[in-house]
Amino acid sequence: MRSAPPPRISARWFPLVLLLAFGLLGPGDVSALPGVGKLKKSAEEKAAKAAGVSQEEQAPAITNDTVVFDDVVLELTPARLEGIVATFNAAKSASAGRPELVEKLNKAQEERNNYWDKHEEEIQAVRQKRDDAELCRQDGLREMMDRKTAEYSQKALSDPAIRDKYMKIAQQYNAAAASGDTAATKAAQEAMMKVILPSREDTLEVYKKCPPVPAPLPSETKLDAMDKEIASLNGRIRDIDGKVSEAQAQQGGMTRGQFAMASERIQMYLSWRQSKSYSKSATRGFSKEEIDALEKYLEKLIAAMG
């Protein structure tokens, strides 16, 4: 069954996606945070309609009249904003080139899936033939080994020289095993197996009784090349992701939940701040000190978070 191609990621939200994905934020942090659910779409639409603001101009309404800081909602001080900007910038710097690689991976996976759909039937058919031939060979060689083992066991019973030879090998094996001499143990094992292992002539005789193993199809060769390209792209993306994690680990200062809430509030402020309906005096959901700090870092925040 064909696996779904990797999801495409919008470049605008890429830094935040990285933070969610590589250790600073958890996937459920944002939706489960206190206060986020209070931003209702219906309230936004009603407020925009009452103010005569078009759907294009309106930004998310911030309905909190007062701000209550706690263990999750931290005050957006200049120091915290500086750390948040540094974290996003570190993520973007470390992830340089990742969006292009993701795009290449999406395209390569899609091409691979389409190629597999087109050639699946012929590839599956030749693989089944190959499996049947290999199974025939394995079964034939196993039967030959069983037969040679039985024959040699009978000879050992009637031929004292053979019996003495293998008693000596068995003694060497036991001594090597007891002393932990792996090289001697291996040599004794090989000596015991030598008489029952198929020779080259035995192997060729078995193979003649089995159907030939089909050579790789051109479509199989191309599919293998596609898989190698996809594996290479995945490896390069993992390398970048490791650098992103390292860059983020150097920032710190807040828990996942605290960082998620701070990022969400900043994004809301930036969205409102850049809309035509923005009014500093009517801003709600932020303390005066936070607004002053946000305005001070406005250009840096927009550059880092968009």
C-alpha atoms as a PDB file:
ATOM      1  CA  MET A   1       0.000   0.000   0.000  1.00  0.00           C
ATOM      2  CA  ARG A   2       1.354   3.379  -0.980  1.00  0.00           C
ATOM      3  CA  SER A   3       2.359   5.643   1.862  1.00  0.00           C
ATOM      4  CA  ALA A   4       1.119   9.219   1.874  1.00  0.00           C
ATOM      5  CA  PRO A   5       3.675  11.859   0.819  1.00  0.00           C
ATOM      6  CA  PRO A   6       5.044  14.118   3.596  1.00  0.00           C
ATOM      7  CA  PRO A   7       2.826  17.152   4.351  1.00  0.00           C
ATOM      8  CA  ARG A   8       3.809  20.439   2.794  1.00  0.00           C
ATOM      9  CA  ILE A   9       4.757  23.206   5.206  1.00  0.00           C
ATOM     10  CA  SER A  10       4.007  26.870   4.610  1.00  0.00           C
ATOM     11  CA  ALA A  11       7.157  29.004   4.692  1.00  0.00           C
ATOM     12  CA  ARG A  12       5.369  31.626   6.821  1.00  0.00           C
ATOM     13  CA  TRP A  13       4.773  29.238   9.702  1.00  0.00           C
ATOM     14  CA  PHE A  14       8.003  27.257   9.283  1.00  0.00           C
ATOM     15  CA  PRO A  15       9.894  28.682  12.310  1.00  0.00           C
ATOM     16  CA  LEU A  16       6.937  27.950  14.608  1.00  0.00           C
ATOM     17  CA  VAL A  17       6.560  24.459  13.130  1.00  0.00           C
ATOM     18  CA  LEU A  18      10.218  23.842  13.878  1.00  0.00           C
ATOM     19  CA  LEU A  19       9.793  24.931  17.465  1.00  0.00           C
ATOM     20  CA  LEU A  20       6.807  22.622  17.822  1.00  0.00           C
ATOM     21  CA  ALA A  21       8.614  19.728  16.224  1.00  0.00           C
ATOM     22  CA  PHE A  22      12.085  19.819  17.738  1.00  0.00           C
ATOM     23  CA  GLY A  23      11.798  19.954  21.461  1.00  0.00           C
ATOM     24  CA  LEU A  24      10.808  23.445  22.540  1.00  0.00           C
ATOM     25  CA  LEU A  25       7.054  23.107  22.023  1.00  0.00           C
ATOM     26  CA  GLY A  26       4.891  20.012  22.216  1.00  0.00           C
ATOM     27  CA  PRO A  27       2.241  19.346  19.549  1.00  0.00           C
ATOM     28  CA  GLY A  28      -0.579  19.795  22.050  1.00  0.00           C
ATOM     29  CA  ASP A  29       0.833  22.787  23.892  1.00  0.00           C
ATOM     30  CA  VAL A  30      -0.896  25.556  21.973  1.00  0.00           C
ATOM     31  CA  SER A  31      -4.431  24.206  21.737  1.00  0.00           C
ATOM     32  CA  ALA A  32      -4.490  23.114  25.378  1.00  0.00           C
ATOM     33  CA  LEU A  33      -3.186  26.370  26.850  1.00  0.00           C
ATOM     34  CA  PRO A  34      -5.456  28.481  29.071  1.00  0.00           C
ATOM     35  CA  GLY A  35      -6.963  31.516  27.383  1.00  0.00           C
ATOM     36  CA  VAL A  36      -6.441  30.474  23.781  1.00  0.00           C
ATOM     37  CA  GLY A  37      -9.974  29.102  23.486  1.00  0.00           C
ATOM     38  CA  LYS A  38     -11.418  32.500  24.429  1.00  0.00           C
ATOM     39  CA  LEU A  39     -10.562  33.905  21.020  1.00  0.00           C
ATOM     40  CA  LYS A  40     -13.796  32.972  19.284  1.00  0.00           C
ATOM     41  CA  LYS A  41     -14.272  33.523  15.586  1.00  0.00           C
ATOM     42  CA  SER A  42     -17.859  34.654  16.052  1.00  0.00           C
ATOM     43  CA  ALA A  43     -16.754  37.374  18.443  1.00  0.00           C
ATOM     44  CA  GLU A  44     -14.175  38.542  15.929  1.00  0.00           C
ATOM     45  CA  GLU A  45     -16.734  38.762  13.149  1.00  0.00           C
ATOM     46  CA  LYS A  46     -19.252  40.638  15.304  1.00  0.00           C
ATOM     47  CA  ALA A  47     -16.642  43.097  16.522  1.00  0.00           C
ATOM     48  CA  ALA A  48     -15.397  43.709  12.995  1.00  0.00           C
ATOM     49  CA  LYS A  49     -18.915  44.202  11.669  1.00  0.00           C
ATOM     50  CA  ALA A  50     -19.777  46.693  14.424  1.00  0.00           C
ATOM     51  CA  ALA A  51     -16.620  48.684  13.691  1.00  0.00           C
ATOM     52  CA  GLY A  52     -17.191  48.644   9.947  1.00  0.00           C
ATOM     53  CA  VAL A  53     -14.021  46.655   9.312  1.00  0.00           C
ATOM     54  CA  SER A  54     -13.892  44.351   6.281  1.00  0.00           C
ATOM     55  CA  GLN A  55     -13.101  40.665   6.607  1.00  0.00           C
ATOM     56  CA  GLU A  56      -9.687  41.321   5.026  1.00  0.00           C
ATOM     57  CA  GLU A  57      -8.798  44.073   7.507  1.00  0.00           C
ATOM     58  CA  GLN A  58      -9.881  42.432  10.728  1.00  0.00           C
ATOM     59  CA  ALA A  59      -7.396  40.631  13.005  1.00  0.00           C
ATOM     60  CA  PRO A  60      -8.060  38.224  15.869  1.00  0.00           C
ATOM     61  CA  ALA A  61     -10.011  39.971  18.630  1.00  0.00           C
ATOM     62  CA  ILE A  62      -8.377  39.907  22.046  1.00  0.00           C
ATOM     63  CA  THR A  63     -11.236  39.723  24.502  1.00  0.00           C
ATOM     64  CA  ASN A  64      -9.375  39.698  27.824  1.00  0.00           C
ATOM     65  CA  ASP A  65     -10.026  42.963  29.663  1.00  0.00           C
ATOM     66  CA  THR A  66      -7.278  42.312  32.159  1.00  0.00           C
ATOM     67  CA  VAL A  67      -4.153  40.183  32.099  1.00  0.00           C
ATOM     68  CA  VAL A  68      -3.600  37.597  34.786  1.00  0.00           C
ATOM     69  CA  PHE A  69      -0.061  36.288  34.851  1.00  0.00           C
ATOM     70  CA  ASP A  70       0.577  32.814  36.231  1.00  0.00           C
ATOM     71  CA  ASP A  71       2.854  29.828  35.757  1.00  0.00           C
ATOM     72  CA  VAL A  72       1.857  29.595  32.088  1.00  0.00           C
ATOM     73  CA  VAL A  73       1.034  33.174  31.054  1.00  0.00           C
ATOM     74  CA  LEU A  74       4.246  35.078  31.691  1.00  0.00           C
ATOM     75  CA  GLU A  75       4.598  38.818  31.293  1.00  0.00           C
ATOM     76  CA  LEU A  76       6.145  39.781  27.958  1.00  0.00           C
ATOM     77  CA  THR A  77       9.066  41.738  29.336  1.00  0.00           C
ATOM     78  CA  PRO A  78      11.870  43.126  27.141  1.00  0.00           C
ATOM     79  CA  ALA A  79      14.170  40.341  28.351  1.00  0.00           C
ATOM     80  CA  ARG A  80      11.658  37.632  27.441  1.00  0.00           C
ATOM     81  CA  LEU A  81      10.965  39.179  24.057  1.00  0.00           C
ATOM     82  CA  GLU A  82      14.694  39.319  23.393  1.00  0.00           C
ATOM     83  CA  GLY A  83      14.947  35.602  24.185  1.00  0.00           C
ATOM     84  CA  ILE A  84      11.965  34.730  21.992  1.00  0.00           C
ATOM     85  CA  VAL A  85      13.390  36.689  19.060  1.00  0.00           C
ATOM     86  CA  ALA A  86      16.751  34.954  19.555  1.00  0.00           C
ATOM     87  CA  THR A  87      15.081  31.544  19.615  1.00  0.00           C
ATOM     88  CA  PHE A  88      13.159  32.122  16.388  1.00  0.00           C
ATOM     89  CA  ASN A  89      16.216  33.589  14.691  1.00  0.00           C
ATOM     90  CA  ALA A  90      18.328  30.643  15.817  1.00  0.00           C
ATOM     91  CA  ALA A  91      15.745  28.239  14.406  1.00  0.00           C
ATOM     92  CA  LYS A  92      15.585  30.067  11.092  1.00  0.00           C
ATOM     93  CA  SER A  93      19.356  30.302  10.793  1.00  0.00           C
ATOM     94  CA  ALA A  94      19.926  26.653  11.636  1.00  0.00           C
ATOM     95  CA  SER A  95      17.133  25.570   9.297  1.00  0.00           C
ATOM     96  CA  ALA A  96      18.440  27.436   6.257  1.00  0.00           C
ATOM     97  CA  GLY A  97      17.747  25.340   3.182  1.00  0.00           C
ATOM     98  CA  ARG A  98      15.235  23.041   4.876  1.00  0.00           C
ATOM     99  CA  PRO A  99      12.104  24.299   3.083  1.00  0.00           C
ATOM    100  CA  GLU A 100      13.795  23.669  -0.274  1.00  0.00           C
ATOM    101  CA  LEU A 101      14.764  20.146   0.798  1.00  0.00           C
ATOM    102  CA  VAL A 102      11.236  19.457   2.031  1.00  0.00           C
ATOM    103  CA  GLU A 103       9.888  20.622  -1.323  1.00  0.00           C
ATOM    104  CA  LYS A 104      12.310  18.327  -3.139  1.00  0.00           C
ATOM    105  CA  LEU A 105      11.319  15.462  -0.862  1.00  0.00           C
ATOM    106  CA  ASN A 106       7.618  16.067  -1.524  1.00  0.00           C
ATOM    107  CA  LYS A 107       8.252  16.058  -5.260  1.00  0.00           C
ATOM    108  CA  ALA A 108      10.510  12.986  -5.141  1.00  0.00           C
ATOM    109  CA  GLN A 109       7.981  11.058  -3.034  1.00  0.00           C
ATOM    110  CA  GLU A 110       5.148  11.998  -5.357  1.00  0.00           C
ATOM    111  CA  GLU A 111       7.142  10.923  -8.426  1.00  0.00           C
ATOM    112  CA  ARG A 112       8.070   7.677  -6.708  1.00  0.00           C
ATOM    113  CA  ASN A 113       4.455   6.939  -5.803  1.00  0.00           C
ATOM    114  CA  ASN A 114       3.277   7.636  -9.339  1.00  0.00           C
ATOM    115  CA  TYR A 115       6.030   5.450 -10.799  1.00  0.00           C
ATOM    116  CA  TRP A 116       5.146   2.618  -8.415  1.00  0.00           C
ATOM    117  CA  ASP A 117       1.467   2.851  -9.403  1.00  0.00           C
ATOM    118  CA  LYS A 118       2.466   2.513 -13.045  1.00  0.00           C
ATOM    119  CA  HIS A 119       4.884  -0.405 -12.643  1.00  0.00           C
ATOM    120  CA  GLU A 120       3.638  -2.148  -9.506  1.00  0.00           C
ATOM    121  CA  GLU A 121       2.106  -5.142 -11.293  1.00  0.00           C
ATOM    122  CA  GLU A 122       5.202  -6.079 -13.295  1.00  0.00           C
ATOM    123  CA  ILE A 123       7.527  -5.512 -10.352  1.00  0.00           C
ATOM    124  CA  GLN A 124       5.406  -7.623  -7.994  1.00  0.00           C
ATOM    125  CA  ALA A 125       5.237 -10.406 -10.567  1.00  0.00           C
ATOM    126  CA  VAL A 126       9.016 -10.612 -11.057  1.00  0.00           C
ATOM    127  CA  ARG A 127       9.608 -10.381  -7.304  1.00  0.00           C
ATOM    128  CA  GLN A 128       7.315 -13.370  -6.764  1.00  0.00           C
ATOM    129  CA  LYS A 129       9.251 -15.363  -9.379  1.00  0.00           C
ATOM    130  CA  ARG A 130      12.499 -14.397  -7.681  1.00  0.00           C
ATOM    131  CA  ASP A 131      11.186 -15.465  -4.276  1.00  0.00           C
ATOM    132  CA  ASP A 132      10.007 -18.801  -5.688  1.00  0.00           C
ATOM    133  CA  ALA A 133      13.407 -19.483  -7.261  1.00  0.00           C
ATOM    134  CA  GLU A 134      15.285 -18.599  -4.086  1.00  0.00           C
ATOM    135  CA  LEU A 135      12.983 -20.783  -1.995  1.00  0.00           C
ATOM    136  CA  CYS A 136      13.537 -23.706  -4.375  1.00  0.00           C
ATOM    137  CA  ARG A 137      17.304 -23.318  -4.048  1.00  0.00           C
ATOM    138  CA  GLN A 138      17.213 -23.101  -0.258  1.00  0.00           C
ATOM    139  CA  ASP A 139      14.970 -26.151   0.031  1.00  0.00           C
ATOM    140  CA  GLY A 140      17.198 -28.113  -2.362  1.00  0.00           C
ATOM    141  CA  LEU A 141      20.383 -27.287  -0.490  1.00  0.00           C
ATOM    142  CA  ARG A 142      18.770 -28.120   2.854  1.00  0.00           C
ATOM    143  CA  GLU A 143      17.646 -31.512   1.554  1.00  0.00           C
ATOM    144  CA  MET A 144      21.139 -32.204   0.232  1.00  0.00           C
ATOM    145  CA  MET A 145      22.718 -31.317   3.586  1.00  0.00           C
ATOM    146  CA  ASP A 146      20.265 -33.587   5.392  1.00  0.00           C
ATOM    147  CA  ARG A 147      21.084 -36.432   3.011  1.00  0.00           C
ATOM    148  CA  LYS A 148      24.851 -35.967   3.366  1.00  0.00           C
ATOM    149  CA  THR A 149      24.526 -35.809   7.140  1.00  0.00           C
ATOM    150  CA  ALA A 150      22.626 -39.100   7.206  1.00  0.00           C
ATOM    151  CA  GLU A 151      25.143 -40.747   4.848  1.00  0.00           C
ATOM    152  CA  TYR A 152      28.145 -39.615   6.867  1.00  0.00           C
ATOM    153  CA  SER A 153      26.541 -40.717  10.102  1.00  0.00           C
ATOM    154  CA  GLN A 154      26.223 -44.212   8.689  1.00  0.00           C
ATOM    155  CA  LYS A 155      29.863 -44.151   7.539  1.00  0.00           C
ATOM    156  CA  ALA A 156      30.998 -42.999  10.972  1.00  0.00           C
ATOM    157  CA  LEU A 157      29.268 -46.003  12.538  1.00  0.00           C
ATOM    158  CA  SER A 158      31.019 -48.470  10.253  1.00  0.00           C
ATOM    159  CA  ASP A 159      34.399 -46.725   9.744  1.00  0.00           C
ATOM    160  CA  PRO A 160      36.539 -46.372  12.894  1.00  0.00           C
ATOM    161  CA  ALA A 161      38.897 -43.900  11.168  1.00  0.00           C
ATOM    162  CA  ILE A 162      36.062 -41.482  10.473  1.00  0.00           C
ATOM    163  CA  ARG A 163      34.687 -41.949  13.971  1.00  0.00           C
ATOM    164  CA  ASP A 164      38.066 -41.274  15.570  1.00  0.00           C
ATOM    165  CA  LYS A 165      38.607 -38.225  13.379  1.00  0.00           C
ATOM    166  CA  TYR A 166      35.369 -36.587  14.499  1.00  0.00           C
ATOM    167  CA  MET A 167      35.793 -37.579  18.118  1.00  0.00           C
ATOM    168  CA  LYS A 168      39.090 -35.701  18.027  1.00  0.00           C
ATOM    169  CA  ILE A 169      37.446 -32.656  16.419  1.00  0.00           C
ATOM    170  CA  ALA A 170      34.697 -32.757  19.064  1.00  0.00           C
ATOM    171  CA  GLN A 171      37.307 -32.829  21.825  1.00  0.00           C
ATOM    172  CA  GLN A 172      39.098 -29.847  20.265  1.00  0.00           C
ATOM    173  CA  TYR A 173      35.818 -27.977  20.040  1.00  0.00           C
ATOM    174  CA  ASN A 174      34.940 -28.631  23.705  1.00  0.00           C
ATOM    175  CA  ALA A 175      38.388 -27.551  24.866  1.00  0.00           C
ATOM    176  CA  ALA A 176      38.255 -24.370  22.781  1.00  0.00           C
ATOM    177  CA  ALA A 177      34.785 -23.543  24.052  1.00  0.00           C
ATOM    178  CA  ALA A 178      35.826 -24.114  27.665  1.00  0.00           C
ATOM    179  CA  SER A 179      38.865 -21.850  27.318  1.00  0.00           C
ATOM    180  CA  GLY A 180      36.964 -19.152  25.417  1.00  0.00           C
ATOM    181  CA  ASP A 181      39.177 -19.490  22.341  1.00  0.00           C
ATOM    182  CA  THR A 182      36.757 -18.259  19.682  1.00  0.00           C
ATOM    183  CA  ALA A 183      39.191 -18.784  16.809  1.00  0.00           C
ATOM    184  CA  ALA A 184      39.743 -22.424  17.732  1.00  0.00           C
ATOM    185  CA  THR A 185      36.035 -22.940  18.312  1.00  0.00           C
ATOM    186  CA  LYS A 186      35.246 -21.571  14.862  1.00  0.00           C
ATOM    187  CA  ALA A 187      37.897 -23.764  13.250  1.00  0.00           C
ATOM    188  CA  ALA A 188      36.471 -26.872  14.936  1.00  0.00           C
ATOM    189  CA  GLN A 189      32.946 -25.978  13.831  1.00  0.00           C
ATOM    190  CA  GLU A 190      34.098 -25.531  10.248  1.00  0.00           C
ATOM    191  CA  ALA A 191      35.877 -28.875  10.319  1.00  0.00           C
ATOM    192  CA  MET A 192      32.727 -30.644  11.535  1.00  0.00           C
ATOM    193  CA  MET A 193      30.519 -28.901   8.960  1.00  0.00           C
ATOM    194  CA  LYS A 194      32.869 -29.426   6.033  1.00  0.00           C
ATOM    195  CA  VAL A 195      31.640 -32.896   5.177  1.00  0.00           C
ATOM    196  CA  ILE A 196      27.945 -31.924   5.053  1.00  0.00           C
ATOM    197  CA  LEU A 197      28.145 -28.478   3.435  1.00  0.00           C
ATOM    198  CA  PRO A 198      27.268 -28.529  -0.273  1.00  0.00           C
ATOM    199  CA  SER A 199      30.222 -28.270  -2.614  1.00  0.00           C
ATOM    200  CA  ARG A 200      30.201 -26.030  -5.670  1.00  0.00           C
ATOM    201  CA  GLU A 201      29.160 -28.998  -7.780  1.00  0.00           C
ATOM    202  CA  ASP A 202      26.373 -29.839  -5.325  1.00  0.00           C
ATOM    203  CA  THR A 203      25.105 -26.265  -5.453  1.00  0.00           C
ATOM    204  CA  LEU A 204      25.081 -26.153  -9.256  1.00  0.00           C
ATOM    205  CA  GLU A 205      23.211 -29.460  -9.348  1.00  0.00           C
ATOM    206  CA  VAL A 206      20.499 -28.067  -7.052  1.00  0.00           C
ATOM    207  CA  TYR A 207      20.251 -24.818  -9.016  1.00  0.00           C
ATOM    208  CA  LYS A 208      19.692 -26.697 -12.263  1.00  0.00           C
ATOM    209  CA  LYS A 209      16.504 -28.203 -10.822  1.00  0.00           C
ATOM    210  CA  CYS A 210      15.084 -24.761  -9.944  1.00  0.00           C
ATOM    211  CA  PRO A 211      13.725 -21.980 -12.141  1.00  0.00           C
ATOM    212  CA  PRO A 212      16.234 -19.211 -12.924  1.00  0.00           C
ATOM    213  CA  VAL A 213      16.297 -16.080 -10.734  1.00  0.00           C
ATOM    214  CA  PRO A 214      14.972 -13.182 -12.838  1.00  0.00           C
ATOM    215  CA  ALA A 215      17.350 -10.282 -13.381  1.00  0.00           C
ATOM    216  CA  PRO A 216      16.298  -6.857 -12.041  1.00  0.00           C
ATOM    217  CA  LEU A 217      13.827  -5.035 -14.261  1.00  0.00           C
ATOM    218  CA  PRO A 218      14.674  -1.529 -15.509  1.00  0.00           C
ATOM    219  CA  SER A 219      11.686  -0.324 -13.511  1.00  0.00           C
ATOM    220  CA  GLU A 220      13.124  -1.928 -10.350  1.00  0.00           C
ATOM    221  CA  THR A 221      16.467  -0.262 -10.936  1.00  0.00           C
ATOM    222  CA  LYS A 222      14.843   3.125 -11.341  1.00  0.00           C
ATOM    223  CA  LEU A 223      12.668   2.575  -8.265  1.00  0.00           C
ATOM    224  CA  ASP A 224      15.790   1.751  -6.228  1.00  0.00           C
ATOM    225  CA  ALA A 225      17.406   4.973  -7.435  1.00  0.00           C
ATOM    226  CA  MET A 226      14.311   6.923  -6.399  1.00  0.00           C
ATOM    227  CA  ASP A 227      14.380   5.300  -2.944  1.00  0.00           C
ATOM    228  CA  LYS A 228      18.053   6.222  -2.535  1.00  0.00           C
ATOM    229  CA  GLU A 229      17.310   9.838  -3.455  1.00  0.00           C
ATOM    230  CA  ILE A 230      14.424   9.970  -0.943  1.00  0.00           C
ATOM    231  CA  ALA A 231      16.637   8.451   1.760  1.00  0.00           C
ATOM    232  CA  SER A 232      19.341  11.014   1.008  1.00  0.00           C
ATOM    233  CA  LEU A 233      16.886  13.921   1.258  1.00  0.00           C
ATOM    234  CA  ASN A 234      15.515  12.565   4.524  1.00  0.00           C
ATOM    235  CA  GLY A 235      19.048  12.294   5.877  1.00  0.00           C
ATOM    236  CA  ARG A 236      19.881  15.876   4.933  1.00  0.00           C
ATOM    237  CA  ILE A 237      16.671  17.101   6.566  1.00  0.00           C
ATOM    238  CA  ARG A 238      17.488  15.159   9.743  1.00  0.00           C
ATOM    239  CA  ASP A 239      20.925  16.781   9.832  1.00  0.00           C
ATOM    240  CA  ILE A 240      19.348  20.241   9.652  1.00  0.00           C
ATOM    241  CA  ASP A 241      16.775  19.312  12.289  1.00  0.00           C
ATOM    242  CA  GLY A 242      19.600  18.296  14.600  1.00  0.00           C
ATOM    243  CA  LYS A 243      21.195  21.715  14.152  1.00  0.00           C
ATOM    244  CA  VAL A 244      17.841  23.368  14.870  1.00  0.00           C
ATOM    245  CA  SER A 245      17.470  21.399  18.092  1.00  0.00           C
ATOM    246  CA  GLU A 246      20.963  22.410  19.162  1.00  0.00           C
ATOM    247  CA  ALA A 247      20.252  26.069  18.405  1.00  0.00           C
ATOM    248  CA  GLN A 248      17.005  26.012  20.349  1.00  0.00           C
ATOM    249  CA  ALA A 249      18.586  24.235  23.308  1.00  0.00           C
ATOM    250  CA  GLN A 250      20.940  27.184  23.743  1.00  0.00           C
ATOM    251  CA  GLN A 251      18.081  29.630  24.361  1.00  0.00           C
ATOM    252  CA  GLY A 252      15.962  28.240  27.233  1.00  0.00           C
ATOM    253  CA  GLY A 253      14.475  30.387  29.969  1.00  0.00           C
ATOM    254  CA  MET A 254      10.885  29.120  29.611  1.00  0.00           C
ATOM    255  CA  THR A 255       9.037  25.836  29.670  1.00  0.00           C
ATOM    256  CA  ARG A 256       7.285  24.506  26.578  1.00  0.00           C
ATOM    257  CA  GLY A 257       3.890  25.701  27.779  1.00  0.00           C
ATOM    258  CA  GLN A 258       5.197  29.145  28.686  1.00  0.00           C
ATOM    259  CA  PHE A 259       6.937  29.566  25.345  1.00  0.00           C
ATOM    260  CA  ALA A 260       3.858  28.351  23.461  1.00  0.00           C
ATOM    261  CA  MET A 261       1.603  30.842  25.246  1.00  0.00           C
ATOM    262  CA  ALA A 262       4.059  33.704  24.794  1.00  0.00           C
ATOM    263  CA  SER A 263       4.414  32.936  21.074  1.00  0.00           C
ATOM    264  CA  GLU A 264       0.634  32.728  20.655  1.00  0.00           C
ATOM    265  CA  ARG A 265       0.084  36.088  22.357  1.00  0.00           C
ATOM    266  CA  ILE A 266       2.837  37.734  20.301  1.00  0.00           C
ATOM    267  CA  GLN A 267       1.365  36.354  17.066  1.00  0.00           C
ATOM    268  CA  MET A 268      -2.048  37.744  18.045  1.00  0.00           C
ATOM    269  CA  TYR A 269      -0.569  41.134  18.825  1.00  0.00           C
ATOM    270  CA  LEU A 270       1.392  41.260  15.574  1.00  0.00           C
ATOM    271  CA  SER A 271      -1.680  40.299  13.572  1.00  0.00           C
ATOM    272  CA  TRP A 272      -3.750  43.007  15.239  1.00  0.00           C
ATOM    273  CA  ARG A 273      -0.915  45.520  15.138  1.00  0.00           C
ATOM    274  CA  GLN A 274      -0.533  45.184  11.374  1.00  0.00           C
ATOM    275  CA  SER A 275      -4.250  45.532  10.653  1.00  0.00           C
ATOM    276  CA  LYS A 276      -5.895  48.862   9.754  1.00  0.00           C
ATOM    277  CA  SER A 277      -8.184  48.579  12.751  1.00  0.00           C
ATOM    278  CA  TYR A 278      -5.344  48.679  15.270  1.00  0.00           C
ATOM    279  CA  SER A 279      -5.577  51.245  18.040  1.00  0.00           C
ATOM    280  CA  LYS A 280      -3.076  51.274  20.856  1.00  0.00           C
ATOM    281  CA  SER A 281      -5.575  52.809  23.253  1.00  0.00           C
ATOM    282  CA  ALA A 282      -8.114  50.058  22.515  1.00  0.00           C
ATOM    283  CA  THR A 283      -5.674  47.199  22.850  1.00  0.00           C
ATOM    284  CA  ARG A 284      -6.914  44.597  25.327  1.00  0.00           C
ATOM    285  CA  GLY A 285      -5.338  41.427  26.629  1.00  0.00           C
ATOM    286  CA  PHE A 286      -1.954  43.057  27.235  1.00  0.00           C
ATOM    287  CA  SER A 287      -0.660  45.191  30.066  1.00  0.00           C
ATOM    288  CA  LYS A 288       0.669  48.674  29.331  1.00  0.00           C
ATOM    289  CA  GLU A 289       4.189  47.474  30.100  1.00  0.00           C
ATOM    290  CA  GLU A 290       3.786  44.592  27.653  1.00  0.00           C
ATOM    291  CA  ILE A 291       2.533  46.887  24.906  1.00  0.00           C
ATOM    292  CA  ASP A 292       5.502  49.204  25.433  1.00  0.00           C
ATOM    293  CA  ALA A 293       7.863  46.221  25.240  1.00  0.00           C
ATOM    294  CA  LEU A 294       6.117  44.814  22.154  1.00  0.00           C
ATOM    295  CA  GLU A 295       6.337  48.171  20.406  1.00  0.00           C
ATOM    296  CA  LYS A 296      10.025  48.438  21.284  1.00  0.00           C
ATOM    297  CA  TYR A 297      10.702  45.024  19.725  1.00  0.00           C
ATOM    298  CA  LEU A 298       8.078  45.303  16.986  1.00  0.00           C
ATOM    299  CA  GLU A 299      10.448  45.273  14.006  1.00  0.00           C
ATOM    300  CA  LYS A 300      12.520  42.402  15.433  1.00  0.00           C
ATOM    301  CA  LEU A 301       9.377  40.385  16.209  1.00  0.00           C
ATOM    302  CA  ILE A 302       7.942  40.893  12.732  1.00  0.00           C
ATOM    303  CA  ALA A 303      11.248  39.898  11.150  1.00  0.00           C
ATOM    304  CA  ALA A 304      11.571  36.795  13.332  1.00  0.00           C
ATOM    305  CA  MET A 305       7.940  35.654  13.503  1.00  0.00           C
ATOM    306  CA  GLY A 306       6.333  37.256  10.474  1.00  0.00           C
END
